[in-house]
């Protein structure tokens, strides 16, 4: 079981929770495997409520598959798949954890002044897994702010 930090647009979170699916523009099977845990981070872009915060942890419950059915809000608006590489997921934890509350406790963001570079693309953290100790700190933060 490996933890990965996954930045998403805020409107994708409801779909992930309700439909139990995560999608990306590229196939991430070389990184993310069935049984891994995805730490969901809401990107600040276009966010109204949760931008810059971690909102949950989901467990990957399938292998990667390709599906062009529009399910995410941006896909529905465009009537075409933008994130066709997908995995099924189950919600493990939900809450709201502000990175500022835990920044001094976590180690994967090595250069605190360059935090943004660790929070972009998928998987984030420069395509490296999140250390288990950091993941536990994040999960505790989520539980405190349900």
N, C-alpha and C. Protein backbone atom coordinates (compact mmCIF):
# COMPACT_ATOMS: atom_id res chain seq x y z
N UNK A 1 0.85 -1.17 0.00
CA UNK A 1 0.00 0.00 0.00
C UNK A 1 0.89 1.23 0.00
N UNK A 2 0.65 2.09 -0.99
CA UNK A 2 1.44 3.29 -1.16
C UNK A 2 0.51 4.50 -1.15
N UNK A 3 0.94 5.58 -0.54
CA UNK A 3 0.16 6.82 -0.52
C UNK A 3 0.65 7.75 -1.63
N UNK A 4 -0.30 8.36 -2.33
CA UNK A 4 0.00 9.32 -3.39
C UNK A 4 -0.80 10.59 -3.15
N UNK A 5 -0.20 11.74 -3.39
CA UNK A 5 -0.91 13.00 -3.31
C UNK A 5 -1.46 13.33 -4.70
N UNK A 6 -2.78 13.56 -4.76
CA UNK A 6 -3.45 13.78 -6.02
C UNK A 6 -4.16 15.14 -6.00
N UNK A 7 -3.67 16.11 -6.79
CA UNK A 7 -4.38 17.38 -6.87
C UNK A 7 -5.53 17.28 -7.88
N UNK A 8 -6.68 17.81 -7.51
CA UNK A 8 -7.83 17.81 -8.41
C UNK A 8 -8.49 19.18 -8.37
N UNK A 9 -9.38 19.42 -9.34
CA UNK A 9 -10.22 20.61 -9.28
C UNK A 9 -11.35 20.32 -8.31
N UNK A 10 -11.78 21.34 -7.63
CA UNK A 10 -12.77 21.19 -6.57
C UNK A 10 -14.04 20.45 -7.01
N UNK A 11 -14.52 20.74 -8.21
CA UNK A 11 -15.77 20.12 -8.64
C UNK A 11 -15.66 18.62 -8.93
N UNK A 12 -14.45 18.11 -9.01
CA UNK A 12 -14.27 16.66 -9.22
C UNK A 12 -14.48 15.86 -7.93
N UNK A 13 -14.32 16.49 -6.78
CA UNK A 13 -14.38 15.79 -5.51
C UNK A 13 -15.74 15.12 -5.29
N UNK A 14 -16.82 15.81 -5.58
CA UNK A 14 -18.14 15.22 -5.39
C UNK A 14 -18.33 13.98 -6.26
N UNK A 15 -17.84 14.03 -7.48
CA UNK A 15 -17.95 12.88 -8.39
C UNK A 15 -17.13 11.71 -7.86
N UNK A 16 -15.93 11.99 -7.39
CA UNK A 16 -15.08 10.94 -6.83
C UNK A 16 -15.79 10.26 -5.67
N UNK A 17 -16.38 11.05 -4.78
CA UNK A 17 -17.08 10.48 -3.62
C UNK A 17 -18.36 9.73 -4.03
N UNK A 18 -19.15 10.33 -4.90
CA UNK A 18 -20.45 9.75 -5.25
C UNK A 18 -20.37 8.57 -6.20
N UNK A 19 -19.50 8.69 -7.19
CA UNK A 19 -19.41 7.63 -8.21
C UNK A 19 -18.28 6.64 -7.95
N UNK A 20 -17.40 6.97 -6.99
CA UNK A 20 -16.31 6.06 -6.68
C UNK A 20 -15.34 5.87 -7.84
N UNK A 21 -14.99 6.99 -8.47
CA UNK A 21 -14.10 6.92 -9.62
C UNK A 21 -13.15 8.12 -9.63
N UNK A 22 -11.90 7.87 -9.99
CA UNK A 22 -10.91 8.93 -10.18
C UNK A 22 -10.39 8.81 -11.59
N UNK A 23 -10.24 9.93 -12.26
CA UNK A 23 -9.73 9.91 -13.62
C UNK A 23 -8.65 10.95 -13.84
N UNK A 24 -7.80 10.65 -14.83
CA UNK A 24 -6.72 11.57 -15.18
C UNK A 24 -6.53 11.55 -16.69
N UNK A 25 -5.86 12.57 -17.21
CA UNK A 25 -5.66 12.67 -18.66
C UNK A 25 -4.67 11.64 -19.19
N UNK A 26 -3.79 11.16 -18.31
CA UNK A 26 -2.80 10.15 -18.71
C UNK A 26 -2.97 8.91 -17.85
N UNK A 27 -2.48 7.80 -18.35
CA UNK A 27 -2.52 6.56 -17.57
C UNK A 27 -1.41 6.62 -16.52
N UNK A 28 -1.79 6.45 -15.27
CA UNK A 28 -0.82 6.53 -14.16
C UNK A 28 -0.50 5.16 -13.57
N UNK A 29 -0.75 4.10 -14.35
CA UNK A 29 -0.58 2.75 -13.79
C UNK A 29 0.87 2.43 -13.41
N UNK A 30 1.84 3.15 -13.94
CA UNK A 30 3.22 2.88 -13.53
C UNK A 30 3.48 3.37 -12.10
N UNK A 31 2.59 4.24 -11.61
CA UNK A 31 2.72 4.76 -10.24
C UNK A 31 1.65 4.16 -9.33
N UNK A 32 0.41 4.43 -9.66
CA UNK A 32 -0.72 4.11 -8.79
C UNK A 32 -1.27 2.73 -9.11
N UNK A 33 -1.35 1.90 -8.08
CA UNK A 33 -1.79 0.50 -8.23
C UNK A 33 -3.03 0.23 -7.38
N UNK A 34 -3.70 -0.85 -7.73
CA UNK A 34 -4.85 -1.32 -6.95
C UNK A 34 -4.39 -1.52 -5.50
N UNK A 35 -5.13 -0.96 -4.55
CA UNK A 35 -4.77 -1.06 -3.14
C UNK A 35 -4.07 0.17 -2.60
N UNK A 36 -3.56 1.03 -3.48
CA UNK A 36 -2.89 2.26 -3.04
C UNK A 36 -3.92 3.25 -2.49
N UNK A 37 -3.42 4.23 -1.74
CA UNK A 37 -4.28 5.27 -1.18
C UNK A 37 -3.95 6.61 -1.81
N UNK A 38 -5.00 7.32 -2.21
CA UNK A 38 -4.84 8.63 -2.83
C UNK A 38 -5.27 9.70 -1.83
N UNK A 39 -4.36 10.60 -1.54
CA UNK A 39 -4.65 11.75 -0.69
C UNK A 39 -5.12 12.85 -1.63
N UNK A 40 -6.37 13.26 -1.47
CA UNK A 40 -6.99 14.20 -2.41
C UNK A 40 -6.78 15.65 -1.94
N UNK A 41 -6.10 16.40 -2.79
CA UNK A 41 -5.79 17.80 -2.54
C UNK A 41 -6.54 18.65 -3.55
N UNK A 42 -7.25 19.67 -3.08
CA UNK A 42 -7.99 20.56 -3.98
C UNK A 42 -7.08 21.70 -4.41
N UNK A 43 -6.86 21.77 -5.72
CA UNK A 43 -6.06 22.84 -6.29
C UNK A 43 -6.74 24.19 -6.04
N UNK A 44 -5.96 25.23 -5.91
CA UNK A 44 -6.53 26.55 -5.66
C UNK A 44 -7.24 27.12 -6.89
N UNK A 45 -6.90 26.64 -8.07
CA UNK A 45 -7.51 27.16 -9.30
C UNK A 45 -8.98 26.81 -9.35
N UNK A 46 -9.82 27.81 -9.57
CA UNK A 46 -11.28 27.68 -9.72
C UNK A 46 -11.96 27.17 -8.45
N UNK A 47 -11.26 27.10 -7.35
CA UNK A 47 -11.86 26.59 -6.11
C UNK A 47 -12.62 27.70 -5.39
N UNK A 48 -13.77 27.33 -4.85
CA UNK A 48 -14.58 28.30 -4.11
C UNK A 48 -14.48 28.07 -2.61
N UNK A 49 -14.34 26.82 -2.20
CA UNK A 49 -14.40 26.48 -0.78
C UNK A 49 -13.13 25.83 -0.25
N UNK A 50 -12.62 24.82 -0.96
CA UNK A 50 -11.55 23.99 -0.42
C UNK A 50 -10.18 24.17 -1.08
N UNK A 51 -10.00 25.21 -1.84
CA UNK A 51 -8.73 25.42 -2.52
C UNK A 51 -7.55 25.45 -1.57
N UNK A 52 -6.52 24.67 -1.88
CA UNK A 52 -5.33 24.62 -1.05
C UNK A 52 -5.46 23.69 0.15
N UNK A 53 -6.50 22.87 0.14
CA UNK A 53 -6.72 21.98 1.29
C UNK A 53 -6.82 20.52 0.84
N UNK A 54 -6.50 19.63 1.77
CA UNK A 54 -6.70 18.20 1.55
C UNK A 54 -8.10 17.89 2.06
N UNK A 55 -8.87 17.12 1.28
CA UNK A 55 -10.27 16.87 1.65
C UNK A 55 -10.58 15.40 1.92
N UNK A 56 -9.63 14.52 1.63
CA UNK A 56 -9.93 13.12 1.89
C UNK A 56 -8.85 12.18 1.43
N UNK A 57 -9.07 10.92 1.77
CA UNK A 57 -8.21 9.83 1.34
C UNK A 57 -9.13 8.76 0.76
N UNK A 58 -8.79 8.30 -0.45
CA UNK A 58 -9.56 7.23 -1.08
C UNK A 58 -8.63 6.07 -1.41
N UNK A 59 -9.20 4.87 -1.37
CA UNK A 59 -8.43 3.66 -1.68
C UNK A 59 -8.74 3.21 -3.10
N UNK A 60 -7.71 2.93 -3.86
CA UNK A 60 -7.88 2.43 -5.23
C UNK A 60 -8.34 0.97 -5.13
N UNK A 61 -9.44 0.65 -5.82
CA UNK A 61 -10.02 -0.69 -5.72
C UNK A 61 -10.09 -1.40 -7.07
N UNK A 62 -9.39 -0.87 -8.07
CA UNK A 62 -9.37 -1.53 -9.38
C UNK A 62 -8.05 -1.24 -10.08
N UNK A 63 -7.83 -1.93 -11.16
CA UNK A 63 -6.73 -1.59 -12.04
C UNK A 63 -7.19 -0.41 -12.91
N UNK A 64 -6.28 0.21 -13.61
CA UNK A 64 -6.62 1.31 -14.51
C UNK A 64 -7.41 0.78 -15.70
N UNK A 65 -8.36 1.58 -16.15
CA UNK A 65 -9.13 1.25 -17.34
C UNK A 65 -9.39 2.55 -18.11
N UNK A 66 -9.78 2.39 -19.36
CA UNK A 66 -10.03 3.54 -20.22
C UNK A 66 -11.52 3.65 -20.47
N UNK A 67 -12.09 4.82 -20.23
CA UNK A 67 -13.53 5.02 -20.40
C UNK A 67 -13.75 6.45 -20.85
N UNK A 68 -14.40 6.62 -21.99
CA UNK A 68 -14.64 7.97 -22.53
C UNK A 68 -16.01 8.53 -22.15
N UNK A 69 -16.71 7.89 -21.24
CA UNK A 69 -18.00 8.39 -20.79
C UNK A 69 -17.78 9.65 -19.95
N UNK A 70 -18.39 10.77 -20.31
CA UNK A 70 -18.23 11.98 -19.50
C UNK A 70 -18.87 11.80 -18.11
N UNK A 71 -18.06 11.93 -17.06
CA UNK A 71 -18.58 11.81 -15.69
C UNK A 71 -18.19 13.01 -14.82
N UNK A 72 -17.08 13.63 -15.10
CA UNK A 72 -16.62 14.76 -14.31
C UNK A 72 -17.25 16.04 -14.87
N UNK A 73 -17.48 17.06 -14.03
CA UNK A 73 -18.19 18.26 -14.48
C UNK A 73 -17.64 18.88 -15.77
N UNK A 74 -16.35 19.03 -15.87
CA UNK A 74 -15.77 19.62 -17.08
C UNK A 74 -16.04 18.75 -18.30
N UNK A 75 -16.05 17.44 -18.11
CA UNK A 75 -16.35 16.53 -19.22
C UNK A 75 -17.80 16.65 -19.66
N UNK A 76 -18.69 16.77 -18.69
CA UNK A 76 -20.11 16.89 -19.01
C UNK A 76 -20.38 18.17 -19.78
N UNK A 77 -19.75 19.28 -19.37
CA UNK A 77 -19.91 20.55 -20.07
C UNK A 77 -19.42 20.43 -21.51
N UNK A 78 -18.30 19.78 -21.72
CA UNK A 78 -17.72 19.64 -23.05
C UNK A 78 -18.27 18.45 -23.83
N UNK A 79 -19.00 17.58 -23.13
CA UNK A 79 -19.54 16.35 -23.71
C UNK A 79 -18.45 15.47 -24.32
N UNK A 80 -17.34 15.40 -23.62
CA UNK A 80 -16.25 14.51 -24.04
C UNK A 80 -15.34 14.22 -22.86
N UNK A 81 -14.72 13.08 -22.90
CA UNK A 81 -13.82 12.67 -21.82
C UNK A 81 -12.54 13.49 -21.85
N UNK A 82 -12.18 14.04 -20.70
CA UNK A 82 -10.92 14.75 -20.54
C UNK A 82 -9.99 13.93 -19.66
N UNK A 83 -10.62 13.12 -18.80
CA UNK A 83 -9.88 12.26 -17.86
C UNK A 83 -10.30 10.80 -18.10
N UNK A 84 -9.96 10.24 -19.26
CA UNK A 84 -10.46 8.90 -19.61
C UNK A 84 -9.72 7.74 -18.95
N UNK A 85 -8.56 8.01 -18.39
CA UNK A 85 -7.80 6.96 -17.69
C UNK A 85 -8.29 6.96 -16.25
N UNK A 86 -8.90 5.85 -15.83
CA UNK A 86 -9.63 5.85 -14.56
C UNK A 86 -9.36 4.62 -13.71
N UNK A 87 -9.63 4.82 -12.41
CA UNK A 87 -9.62 3.72 -11.45
C UNK A 87 -10.85 3.88 -10.56
N UNK A 88 -11.32 2.76 -10.04
CA UNK A 88 -12.39 2.81 -9.05
C UNK A 88 -11.76 3.07 -7.69
N UNK A 89 -12.49 3.80 -6.85
CA UNK A 89 -11.99 4.15 -5.53
C UNK A 89 -13.10 4.05 -4.48
N UNK A 90 -12.67 3.87 -3.24
CA UNK A 90 -13.58 3.90 -2.10
C UNK A 90 -13.07 4.93 -1.10
N UNK A 91 -13.97 5.73 -0.57
CA UNK A 91 -13.59 6.76 0.39
C UNK A 91 -13.16 6.11 1.71
N UNK A 92 -12.01 6.51 2.21
CA UNK A 92 -11.50 6.04 3.50
C UNK A 92 -11.70 7.11 4.58
N UNK A 93 -11.32 8.35 4.26
CA UNK A 93 -11.43 9.46 5.21
C UNK A 93 -11.89 10.70 4.47
N UNK A 94 -12.70 11.52 5.15
CA UNK A 94 -13.13 12.80 4.60
C UNK A 94 -12.99 13.83 5.70
N UNK A 95 -12.52 15.00 5.34
CA UNK A 95 -12.36 16.11 6.28
C UNK A 95 -11.79 17.28 5.52
N UNK A 96 -11.26 18.23 6.25
CA UNK A 96 -10.62 19.38 5.62
C UNK A 96 -9.33 19.67 6.38
N UNK A 97 -8.22 19.50 5.70
CA UNK A 97 -6.91 19.72 6.32
C UNK A 97 -6.17 20.79 5.52
N UNK A 98 -5.89 21.88 6.18
CA UNK A 98 -5.15 22.97 5.55
C UNK A 98 -3.66 22.67 5.66
N UNK A 99 -2.97 22.71 4.55
CA UNK A 99 -1.53 22.44 4.55
C UNK A 99 -0.78 23.32 5.54
N UNK A 100 -1.26 24.54 5.73
CA UNK A 100 -0.56 25.45 6.65
C UNK A 100 -0.56 24.91 8.08
N UNK A 101 -1.57 24.10 8.42
CA UNK A 101 -1.66 23.55 9.77
C UNK A 101 -0.64 22.43 10.03
N UNK A 102 -0.17 21.80 8.98
CA UNK A 102 0.73 20.65 9.15
C UNK A 102 2.08 20.81 8.47
N UNK A 103 2.30 21.93 7.82
CA UNK A 103 3.52 22.12 7.03
C UNK A 103 4.79 21.89 7.83
N UNK A 104 4.80 22.30 9.08
CA UNK A 104 6.01 22.13 9.89
C UNK A 104 6.16 20.70 10.41
N UNK A 105 5.14 19.85 10.23
CA UNK A 105 5.19 18.47 10.72
C UNK A 105 5.52 17.45 9.63
N UNK A 106 5.26 17.80 8.38
CA UNK A 106 5.47 16.83 7.29
C UNK A 106 6.84 17.03 6.65
N UNK A 107 7.36 15.93 6.10
CA UNK A 107 8.71 15.96 5.54
C UNK A 107 8.78 15.94 4.02
N UNK A 108 7.70 15.50 3.35
CA UNK A 108 7.82 15.34 1.89
C UNK A 108 7.98 16.67 1.16
N UNK A 109 7.49 17.76 1.75
CA UNK A 109 7.73 19.08 1.17
C UNK A 109 9.05 19.57 1.75
N UNK A 110 10.12 19.27 1.03
CA UNK A 110 11.46 19.53 1.52
C UNK A 110 11.80 21.01 1.52
N UNK A 111 11.34 21.72 0.49
CA UNK A 111 11.61 23.15 0.37
C UNK A 111 10.29 23.89 0.61
N UNK A 112 10.06 24.30 1.85
CA UNK A 112 8.79 24.91 2.24
C UNK A 112 8.50 26.20 1.46
N UNK A 113 9.53 26.88 0.98
CA UNK A 113 9.34 28.11 0.21
C UNK A 113 8.90 27.82 -1.23
N UNK A 114 9.12 26.61 -1.67
CA UNK A 114 8.73 26.19 -3.02
C UNK A 114 7.61 25.14 -2.96
N UNK A 115 6.70 25.31 -2.01
CA UNK A 115 5.66 24.32 -1.77
C UNK A 115 4.86 23.96 -3.02
N UNK A 116 4.59 24.93 -3.88
CA UNK A 116 3.74 24.70 -5.05
C UNK A 116 4.26 23.58 -5.95
N UNK A 117 5.57 23.44 -6.06
CA UNK A 117 6.10 22.41 -6.96
C UNK A 117 5.79 21.00 -6.47
N UNK A 118 5.48 20.84 -5.18
CA UNK A 118 5.13 19.54 -4.63
C UNK A 118 3.63 19.25 -4.74
N UNK A 119 2.86 20.23 -5.19
CA UNK A 119 1.40 20.12 -5.20
C UNK A 119 0.80 20.13 -6.59
N UNK A 120 1.61 19.92 -7.61
CA UNK A 120 1.05 19.93 -8.97
C UNK A 120 1.32 18.62 -9.69
N UNK A 121 0.52 18.42 -10.72
CA UNK A 121 0.56 17.20 -11.54
C UNK A 121 0.10 15.99 -10.73
N UNK A 122 -0.07 14.90 -11.42
CA UNK A 122 -0.47 13.66 -10.73
C UNK A 122 0.46 12.54 -11.16
N UNK A 123 0.94 11.78 -10.22
CA UNK A 123 0.86 12.09 -8.80
C UNK A 123 1.75 13.27 -8.46
N UNK A 124 1.32 14.04 -7.47
CA UNK A 124 2.09 15.22 -7.04
C UNK A 124 3.32 14.74 -6.26
N UNK A 125 3.97 15.65 -5.58
CA UNK A 125 5.22 15.36 -4.87
C UNK A 125 6.28 14.85 -5.84
N UNK A 126 6.34 15.50 -7.01
CA UNK A 126 7.35 15.18 -8.02
C UNK A 126 7.29 13.71 -8.41
N UNK A 127 6.06 13.17 -8.45
CA UNK A 127 5.78 11.76 -8.83
C UNK A 127 6.39 10.75 -7.85
N UNK A 128 6.56 11.19 -6.61
CA UNK A 128 7.07 10.29 -5.57
C UNK A 128 5.94 10.00 -4.58
N UNK A 129 5.95 8.81 -3.99
CA UNK A 129 4.94 8.50 -2.97
C UNK A 129 5.11 9.39 -1.74
N UNK A 130 4.03 9.51 -0.99
CA UNK A 130 4.06 10.26 0.26
C UNK A 130 4.54 9.30 1.35
N UNK A 131 5.54 9.68 2.15
CA UNK A 131 5.99 8.79 3.23
C UNK A 131 4.83 8.47 4.18
N UNK A 132 4.82 7.25 4.69
CA UNK A 132 3.73 6.81 5.54
C UNK A 132 3.56 7.70 6.77
N UNK A 133 4.64 8.15 7.35
CA UNK A 133 4.55 9.05 8.51
C UNK A 133 3.82 10.34 8.17
N UNK A 134 4.12 10.91 7.01
CA UNK A 134 3.43 12.12 6.56
C UNK A 134 1.96 11.83 6.29
N UNK A 135 1.68 10.68 5.70
CA UNK A 135 0.29 10.30 5.40
C UNK A 135 -0.52 10.18 6.69
N UNK A 136 0.10 9.63 7.73
CA UNK A 136 -0.60 9.50 9.02
C UNK A 136 -0.89 10.88 9.63
N UNK A 137 0.03 11.81 9.49
CA UNK A 137 -0.19 13.18 9.97
C UNK A 137 -1.36 13.82 9.22
N UNK A 138 -1.40 13.60 7.91
CA UNK A 138 -2.49 14.14 7.09
C UNK A 138 -3.83 13.51 7.51
N UNK A 139 -3.85 12.18 7.70
CA UNK A 139 -5.08 11.52 8.10
C UNK A 139 -5.57 12.01 9.47
N UNK A 140 -4.65 12.22 10.39
CA UNK A 140 -5.03 12.76 11.71
C UNK A 140 -5.61 14.17 11.58
N UNK A 141 -5.02 14.97 10.72
CA UNK A 141 -5.52 16.33 10.48
C UNK A 141 -6.94 16.27 9.90
N UNK A 142 -7.19 15.36 8.97
CA UNK A 142 -8.53 15.20 8.39
C UNK A 142 -9.55 14.83 9.46
N UNK A 143 -9.17 13.92 10.35
CA UNK A 143 -10.08 13.48 11.40
C UNK A 143 -10.42 14.60 12.38
N UNK A 144 -9.49 15.53 12.56
CA UNK A 144 -9.73 16.65 13.49
C UNK A 144 -10.67 17.69 12.89
N UNK A 145 -10.81 17.69 11.58
CA UNK A 145 -11.59 18.73 10.88
C UNK A 145 -12.65 18.10 9.98
N UNK A 146 -13.40 17.19 10.52
CA UNK A 146 -14.44 16.51 9.71
C UNK A 146 -15.59 17.45 9.49
